[in-house]
Protein backbone atom coordinates (compact mmCIF):
# COMPACT_ATOMS: atom_id res chain seq x y z
CA MET A 1 -31.49 -26.10 28.99
CA ARG A 2 -28.47 -27.89 27.52
CA THR A 3 -30.08 -27.78 24.06
CA LEU A 4 -30.79 -24.06 24.42
CA ALA A 5 -27.23 -23.45 25.52
CA LEU A 6 -25.89 -25.33 22.51
CA VAL A 7 -28.11 -23.36 20.15
CA THR A 8 -27.06 -20.09 21.78
CA CYS A 9 -23.41 -21.06 21.49
CA LEU A 10 -23.84 -21.99 17.81
CA VAL A 11 -25.57 -18.70 17.01
CA THR A 12 -22.79 -16.83 18.80
CA VAL A 13 -20.11 -18.63 16.77
CA LEU A 14 -21.95 -18.04 13.50
CA HIS A 15 -22.40 -14.38 14.34
CA THR A 16 -18.74 -14.04 15.32
CA ASN A 17 -17.57 -15.62 12.06
CA ALA A 18 -20.05 -13.81 9.83
CA GLN A 19 -18.60 -11.81 6.97
CA ARG A 20 -20.07 -8.46 6.22
CA PRO A 21 -20.94 -7.92 2.55
CA VAL A 22 -19.00 -5.74 0.15
CA TRP A 23 -19.90 -2.13 0.70
CA THR A 24 -22.71 -0.85 -1.48
CA LYS A 25 -21.75 1.66 -4.15
CA GLU A 26 -23.71 4.27 -2.23
CA LYS A 27 -21.75 3.65 0.98
CA ALA A 28 -18.43 3.66 -0.87
CA ASN A 29 -19.18 6.93 -2.67
CA THR A 30 -20.47 8.60 0.50
CA TRP A 31 -17.24 7.60 2.27
CA TYR A 32 -15.13 9.00 -0.58
CA ALA A 33 -17.10 12.24 -0.81
CA GLY A 34 -16.06 13.09 2.74
CA LYS A 35 -12.33 12.75 2.05
CA GLY A 36 -11.66 15.55 -0.41
CA TRP A 37 -9.09 14.94 -3.12
CA LEU A 38 -6.53 12.45 -1.85
CA ARG A 39 -2.91 12.76 -2.99
CA GLY A 40 0.25 11.25 -1.63
CA CYS A 41 3.03 8.68 -2.01
CA ASP A 42 3.99 5.11 -1.41
CA PHE A 43 6.16 5.82 1.60
CA ILE A 44 9.13 4.20 3.28
CA PRO A 45 11.70 6.33 5.12
CA SER A 46 14.94 6.87 3.25
CA THR A 47 16.81 5.00 6.00
CA ALA A 48 14.99 1.69 5.35
CA ILE A 49 15.72 -0.72 2.51
CA ASN A 50 12.53 -2.73 3.03
CA GLN A 51 9.49 -3.28 5.21
CA LEU A 52 11.39 -5.15 7.93
CA GLU A 53 13.97 -2.40 8.29
CA MET A 54 11.14 0.09 8.59
CA TRP A 55 9.21 -1.80 11.28
CA GLN A 56 11.72 -3.75 13.40
CA ALA A 57 12.49 -2.19 16.77
CA ALA A 58 16.24 -1.80 16.15
CA THR A 59 15.80 0.19 12.94
CA PHE A 60 12.42 1.90 13.37
CA ASP A 61 13.26 5.56 12.72
CA PRO A 62 10.56 7.97 13.92
CA ALA A 63 12.83 10.99 13.57
CA THR A 64 13.30 10.39 9.84
CA ILE A 65 9.63 9.52 9.38
CA ASP A 66 8.66 12.80 11.06
CA LYS A 67 11.11 14.83 8.99
CA GLU A 68 10.14 13.29 5.66
CA LEU A 69 6.39 13.41 6.25
CA GLY A 70 6.94 17.08 7.07
CA TRP A 71 8.36 17.53 3.58
CA ALA A 72 5.29 15.77 2.17
CA GLN A 73 3.00 18.07 4.12
CA SER A 74 4.93 21.11 2.85
CA ILE A 75 3.83 20.40 -0.74
CA GLY A 76 0.22 19.58 0.17
CA LEU A 77 0.24 15.78 0.26
CA ASN A 78 -2.35 14.29 2.59
CA CYS A 79 -2.07 10.48 2.47
CA MET A 80 0.61 7.80 2.38
CA ARG A 81 0.51 4.15 1.36
CA VAL A 82 2.70 2.11 3.69
CA PHE A 83 3.66 -1.58 3.52
CA LEU A 84 3.62 -3.79 6.60
CA HIS A 85 5.23 -7.25 6.89
CA HIS A 86 3.97 -10.25 8.82
CA ALA A 87 7.48 -11.30 9.90
CA ALA A 88 7.95 -8.08 11.87
CA TRP A 89 4.62 -8.69 13.61
CA GLU A 90 5.37 -12.36 14.26
CA ALA A 91 8.69 -11.53 15.92
CA ASP A 92 7.18 -8.92 18.24
CA PRO A 93 3.38 -8.45 17.98
CA ALA A 94 3.02 -5.92 20.80
CA GLY A 95 6.07 -3.91 19.80
CA PHE A 96 5.02 -3.94 16.16
CA LYS A 97 1.62 -2.49 17.02
CA THR A 98 3.25 0.12 19.23
CA ARG A 99 5.43 1.20 16.31
CA VAL A 100 2.44 1.28 13.94
CA THR A 101 0.69 3.53 16.47
CA ARG A 102 3.75 5.76 16.67
CA TYR A 103 3.84 6.03 12.88
CA LEU A 104 0.14 6.98 12.84
CA ASP A 105 0.73 9.62 15.51
CA ILE A 106 3.48 11.18 13.41
CA ALA A 107 1.50 11.05 10.17
CA ASP A 108 -1.59 12.52 11.83
CA ASN A 109 0.48 15.40 13.21
CA HIS A 110 1.23 16.23 9.58
CA HIS A 111 -2.47 15.86 8.58
CA ILE A 112 -1.65 12.73 6.61
CA SER A 113 -3.89 9.65 6.54
CA THR A 114 -2.52 6.18 5.83
CA ILE A 115 -3.26 3.22 3.59
CA PHE A 116 -1.69 0.08 5.03
CA VAL A 117 -0.73 -2.84 2.77
CA PHE A 118 -0.62 -6.42 4.09
CA PHE A 119 0.62 -8.88 1.45
CA ASP A 120 2.89 -8.34 -1.56
CA ASP A 121 4.07 -10.49 -4.49
CA CYS A 122 6.92 -8.19 -5.59
CA TRP A 123 10.71 -8.48 -5.48
CA ASN A 124 12.67 -10.80 -3.13
CA GLU A 125 10.98 -14.12 -2.35
CA THR A 126 12.77 -14.84 0.95
CA TYR A 127 13.50 -12.76 4.05
CA HIS A 128 14.76 -12.98 7.58
CA ILE A 129 14.29 -11.11 10.82
CA GLY A 130 17.23 -9.05 12.07
CA GLN A 131 19.80 -7.04 10.18
CA GLN A 132 18.75 -6.41 6.61
CA PRO A 133 21.05 -6.43 3.56
CA LYS A 134 22.71 -3.31 2.28
CA PRO A 135 21.40 -1.86 -0.99
CA ARG A 136 22.92 -3.29 -4.15
CA THR A 137 24.56 -0.37 -5.90
CA GLY A 138 22.41 1.20 -8.59
CA ILE A 139 19.70 -1.50 -8.51
CA HIS A 140 16.03 -0.58 -8.06
CA ASN A 141 14.45 -1.95 -4.87
CA SER A 142 17.20 -4.51 -4.35
CA GLY A 143 16.08 -5.28 -0.80
CA TRP A 144 12.29 -5.14 -1.07
CA LEU A 145 10.44 -8.20 0.23
CA ARG A 146 7.49 -10.27 -0.81
CA ASP A 147 5.06 -11.15 1.91
CA PRO A 148 4.59 -14.04 2.51
CA GLY A 149 6.65 -15.05 -0.54
CA LYS A 150 8.20 -18.48 -0.99
CA LEU A 151 7.64 -19.47 2.64
CA TYR A 152 3.89 -19.68 2.05
CA TYR A 153 4.36 -22.39 -0.57
CA ASP A 154 7.12 -24.22 1.29
CA ASN A 155 5.13 -24.25 4.52
CA PRO A 156 1.36 -24.08 3.96
CA ALA A 157 0.79 -24.09 7.72
CA LEU A 158 1.99 -20.46 7.64
CA VAL A 159 -1.60 -19.55 6.80
CA VAL A 160 -2.47 -19.90 10.49
CA THR A 161 0.08 -17.23 11.38
CA LEU A 162 -1.05 -15.00 8.51
CA GLU A 163 -4.67 -15.15 9.65
CA LYS A 164 -3.67 -14.23 13.22
CA TYR A 165 -1.56 -11.36 11.88
CA VAL A 166 -4.19 -9.83 9.63
CA THR A 167 -6.93 -10.33 12.20
CA ASP A 168 -4.86 -8.83 15.02
CA ILE A 169 -3.89 -5.72 13.06
CA LEU A 170 -7.37 -5.14 11.68
CA THR A 171 -9.00 -5.68 15.08
CA THR A 172 -6.54 -3.38 16.85
CA PHE A 173 -6.97 -0.52 14.38
CA LYS A 174 -10.48 -1.12 13.01
CA HIS A 175 -11.84 2.13 14.44
CA ASP A 176 -8.74 4.29 13.91
CA ARG A 177 -9.78 7.38 11.97
CA ARG A 178 -6.16 7.97 10.90
CA ILE A 179 -6.27 4.91 8.65
CA LEU A 180 -7.84 5.60 5.29
CA LEU A 181 -7.99 2.15 3.73
CA TRP A 182 -6.74 -1.43 4.06
CA ASP A 183 -4.94 -2.58 0.91
CA LEU A 184 -5.02 -6.32 1.46
CA TYR A 185 -2.62 -7.50 -1.24
CA ASN A 186 -0.18 -5.60 -3.44
CA GLU A 187 0.01 -6.87 -7.03
CA PRO A 188 -1.27 -10.40 -6.47
CA GLY A 189 0.03 -12.68 -9.20
CA ASN A 190 3.29 -10.79 -9.74
CA SER A 191 6.64 -12.65 -9.82
CA ASN A 192 5.02 -15.18 -12.19
CA TYR A 193 2.66 -16.41 -9.45
CA GLY A 194 -0.42 -15.71 -11.57
CA ASP A 195 -3.58 -17.37 -10.28
CA LYS A 196 -1.50 -19.20 -7.68
CA SER A 197 -2.05 -16.08 -5.54
CA LEU A 198 -5.84 -16.30 -5.67
CA PRO A 199 -6.37 -18.54 -2.60
CA LEU A 200 -4.45 -16.18 -0.30
CA LEU A 201 -6.19 -13.17 -1.84
CA GLU A 202 -9.55 -14.81 -1.11
CA LYS A 203 -8.51 -15.55 2.47
CA ALA A 204 -7.38 -11.95 2.99
CA PHE A 205 -10.79 -10.63 1.97
CA THR A 206 -12.53 -13.22 4.14
CA TRP A 207 -10.45 -12.25 7.18
CA GLY A 208 -11.02 -8.57 6.47
CA ARG A 209 -14.76 -8.82 6.06
CA THR A 210 -15.02 -10.97 9.18
CA VAL A 211 -13.26 -8.33 11.30
CA ASN A 212 -15.33 -5.63 9.54
CA PRO A 213 -13.20 -2.51 10.16
CA ASP A 214 -14.64 0.97 9.73
CA GLN A 215 -12.25 1.51 6.82
CA PRO A 216 -12.84 0.05 3.33
CA LEU A 217 -11.02 -3.01 2.01
CA SER A 218 -9.42 -3.24 -1.41
CA ALA A 219 -6.74 -4.93 -3.51
CA GLY A 220 -5.55 -3.06 -6.56
CA VAL A 221 -5.69 -4.31 -10.13
CA TRP A 222 -2.43 -3.85 -11.97
CA ASP A 223 -2.15 -6.22 -14.98
CA GLN A 224 -5.01 -6.62 -17.45
CA LYS A 225 -3.78 -10.10 -18.40
CA LEU A 226 -4.60 -11.48 -14.94
CA THR A 227 -8.29 -11.79 -15.74
CA THR A 228 -9.28 -14.18 -12.95
CA LEU A 229 -7.53 -12.18 -10.26
CA ASN A 230 -8.83 -8.89 -11.65
CA ALA A 231 -12.42 -10.12 -11.67
CA TYR A 232 -12.14 -11.21 -8.05
CA GLN A 233 -10.48 -7.96 -6.92
CA LEU A 234 -13.00 -5.73 -8.67
CA THR A 235 -15.95 -7.72 -7.36
CA ASN A 236 -14.76 -7.83 -3.76
CA SER A 237 -13.18 -4.41 -3.19
CA ASP A 238 -15.23 -1.76 -1.40
CA VAL A 239 -13.42 0.94 -3.37
CA ILE A 240 -11.40 0.34 -6.52
CA THR A 241 -7.65 0.70 -6.35
CA TYR A 242 -5.29 0.30 -9.27
CA HIS A 243 -1.74 0.84 -10.54
CA ASN A 244 -0.85 2.57 -13.78
CA TYR A 245 2.58 3.72 -14.95
CA GLU A 246 1.51 4.56 -18.50
CA PRO A 247 1.32 7.94 -20.31
CA THR A 248 -1.77 10.12 -20.28
CA ASP A 249 -3.86 8.46 -22.99
CA ALA A 250 -3.35 4.93 -21.69
CA HIS A 251 -3.97 6.01 -18.11
CA GLN A 252 -7.16 7.79 -19.17
CA ARG A 253 -8.37 4.61 -20.88
CA CYS A 254 -7.73 2.73 -17.65
CA ILE A 255 -9.84 5.21 -15.70
CA ASP A 256 -12.60 5.03 -18.31
CA THR A 257 -12.59 1.23 -18.05
CA LEU A 258 -12.95 1.33 -14.26
CA LYS A 259 -15.55 4.11 -14.01
CA PRO A 260 -18.51 1.87 -14.93
CA TYR A 261 -18.04 -0.06 -11.68
CA GLY A 262 -19.52 3.01 -10.01
CA ARG A 263 -17.10 3.08 -7.09
CA PRO A 264 -14.41 5.56 -5.99
CA LEU A 265 -11.12 5.20 -7.84
CA ILE A 266 -7.80 5.37 -6.01
CA CYS A 267 -4.59 5.14 -8.03
CA THR A 268 -2.18 3.63 -5.52
CA GLU A 269 0.85 3.64 -7.85
CA TYR A 270 1.83 5.93 -10.73
CA MET A 271 4.69 8.26 -11.77
CA ALA A 272 7.65 6.73 -13.57
CA ARG A 273 9.33 9.57 -15.39
CA LEU A 274 11.11 7.42 -17.96
CA ARG A 275 7.75 5.89 -18.99
CA ASN A 276 6.18 9.34 -19.46
CA SER A 277 4.05 8.96 -16.35
CA THR A 278 4.91 12.23 -14.64
CA PHE A 279 3.45 14.73 -12.23
CA PHE A 280 3.04 17.19 -15.09
CA ASN A 281 0.80 15.02 -17.26
CA ILE A 282 -0.85 12.56 -14.85
CA MET A 283 -1.49 14.39 -11.59
CA PRO A 284 -3.71 17.13 -13.12
CA MET A 285 -5.71 14.46 -14.95
CA LEU A 286 -6.25 12.51 -11.74
CA LYS A 287 -7.43 15.64 -9.96
CA ARG A 288 -9.80 16.47 -12.80
CA GLU A 289 -11.23 12.95 -12.67
CA ASN A 290 -11.40 13.00 -8.85
CA VAL A 291 -9.13 9.95 -8.69
CA ALA A 292 -6.86 9.73 -5.66
CA ALA A 293 -3.24 10.20 -6.79
CA ILE A 294 -0.58 8.18 -4.95
CA ASN A 295 2.80 8.05 -6.65
CA TRP A 296 5.63 5.67 -5.85
CA GLY A 297 8.26 7.29 -3.69
CA LEU A 298 8.83 10.38 -1.57
CA VAL A 299 12.54 10.62 -0.62
CA ALA A 300 15.47 8.98 -2.40
CA GLY A 301 17.14 6.49 -0.09
CA LYS A 302 18.06 2.88 0.51
CA THR A 303 15.35 1.44 -1.76
CA ASN A 304 17.18 2.89 -4.78
CA THR A 305 13.92 3.58 -6.58
CA LYS A 306 15.36 6.64 -8.27
CA TYR A 307 16.86 4.00 -10.58
CA ALA A 308 14.60 2.41 -13.21
CA TRP A 309 13.19 -1.10 -12.89
CA ASP A 310 15.23 -2.50 -15.75
CA THR A 311 18.19 -0.10 -16.01
CA PRO A 312 20.74 -0.83 -13.27
CA MET A 313 23.63 1.57 -12.84
CA PRO A 314 26.52 -0.49 -11.40
CA ASP A 315 28.61 2.60 -10.69
CA GLY A 316 25.82 4.06 -8.54
CA ALA A 317 25.85 7.34 -10.44
CA ASP A 318 22.93 9.69 -10.02
CA PRO A 319 20.64 8.98 -12.99
CA LYS A 320 20.09 11.88 -15.35
CA VAL A 321 16.35 11.34 -15.01
CA TRP A 322 15.06 9.86 -11.75
CA PHE A 323 12.54 7.06 -12.13
CA HIS A 324 10.66 7.68 -8.85
CA GLU A 325 10.94 9.95 -5.77
CA ILE A 326 10.29 13.65 -5.15
CA PHE A 327 12.96 14.77 -2.67
CA ARG A 328 16.68 14.29 -2.22
CA PRO A 329 17.81 13.03 1.22
CA ASP A 330 18.55 16.61 2.33
CA GLY A 331 14.97 17.67 1.60
CA THR A 332 15.65 19.62 -1.59
CA PRO A 333 13.37 18.71 -4.50
CA TYR A 334 14.63 16.58 -7.38
CA ASP A 335 12.84 19.07 -9.64
CA PRO A 336 11.56 22.33 -8.09
CA LYS A 337 9.12 22.70 -11.01
CA GLU A 338 7.48 19.45 -9.93
CA THR A 339 7.04 20.47 -6.33
CA ALA A 340 5.71 23.86 -7.46
CA LEU A 341 3.13 22.06 -9.61
CA ILE A 342 2.15 19.74 -6.76
CA ARG A 343 1.68 22.71 -4.44
CA SER A 344 -0.47 24.46 -7.05
CA LEU A 345 -2.70 21.38 -7.39
CA THR A 346 -3.08 20.83 -3.66
CA LYS A 347 -4.04 24.33 -2.57
């Protein structure tokens, strides 16, 4: 009897820890076929400088989220990509999940589905809970945070917390129809990390496939030079996500390179006007190719992403040509011709 009990316990543990395989191409394409053409933005409310300011209890701003997602709905957008941060969860797991639920309620009321992002290798390497810094005048994304950033390399034991975080969020929301996709890691290898990011990327996919949510898992390719990371991402993603801020011809070549993988394509970042990646030339192409179109930015605000990556404006003047964003803080469009085009494409 003791032997049988031990065997039963072992089988239970193995079953509990089993990873489901990558979705078949057939399953991925069937899933995508039921979604219609997806179009939306990388979203953070204009009142938040970074992920912590968005999600901490003291600065969570459902009124602004509701207002700004209403503007998105008004031009026919139907999905948002939204960054989480493990530090906000670690400080207040229950409250964090309550706020995520509140966000999902608001988005769903506007017929908007959500892609949530876990980890991120971009911008500031350190962070702290509590009051967040004010924007640096005229500087693009001056307060945006990596996750987990430098702390992961200074304190490798952080991986225990990260696993609990990812597992808790995925388990809590694994059957939530309002969530479109789990984007496990934004731009792994950025900030000169390179292949140093691969072990955490691998862990994220392992944790995700072990929880096995209803929604697909992915991590977007973004730099063709990161060959090892790209190969892993493309092999392990249920659906293919990618970033491209290039003009039409280069973006088309990117799509043509990814098509042979035979999986749905979701562009989770595009539209940088000064790089000739605009709504006018890219969004119609993405619709024609049935590629989901998610541009960076909805409303100009504390992230300062109306300013270009590499062109700070120390006087804080309004740039002649905005880099990202669709709406001004009062809800008027940056360019009414753009919003008219978006409406025409989303009818």
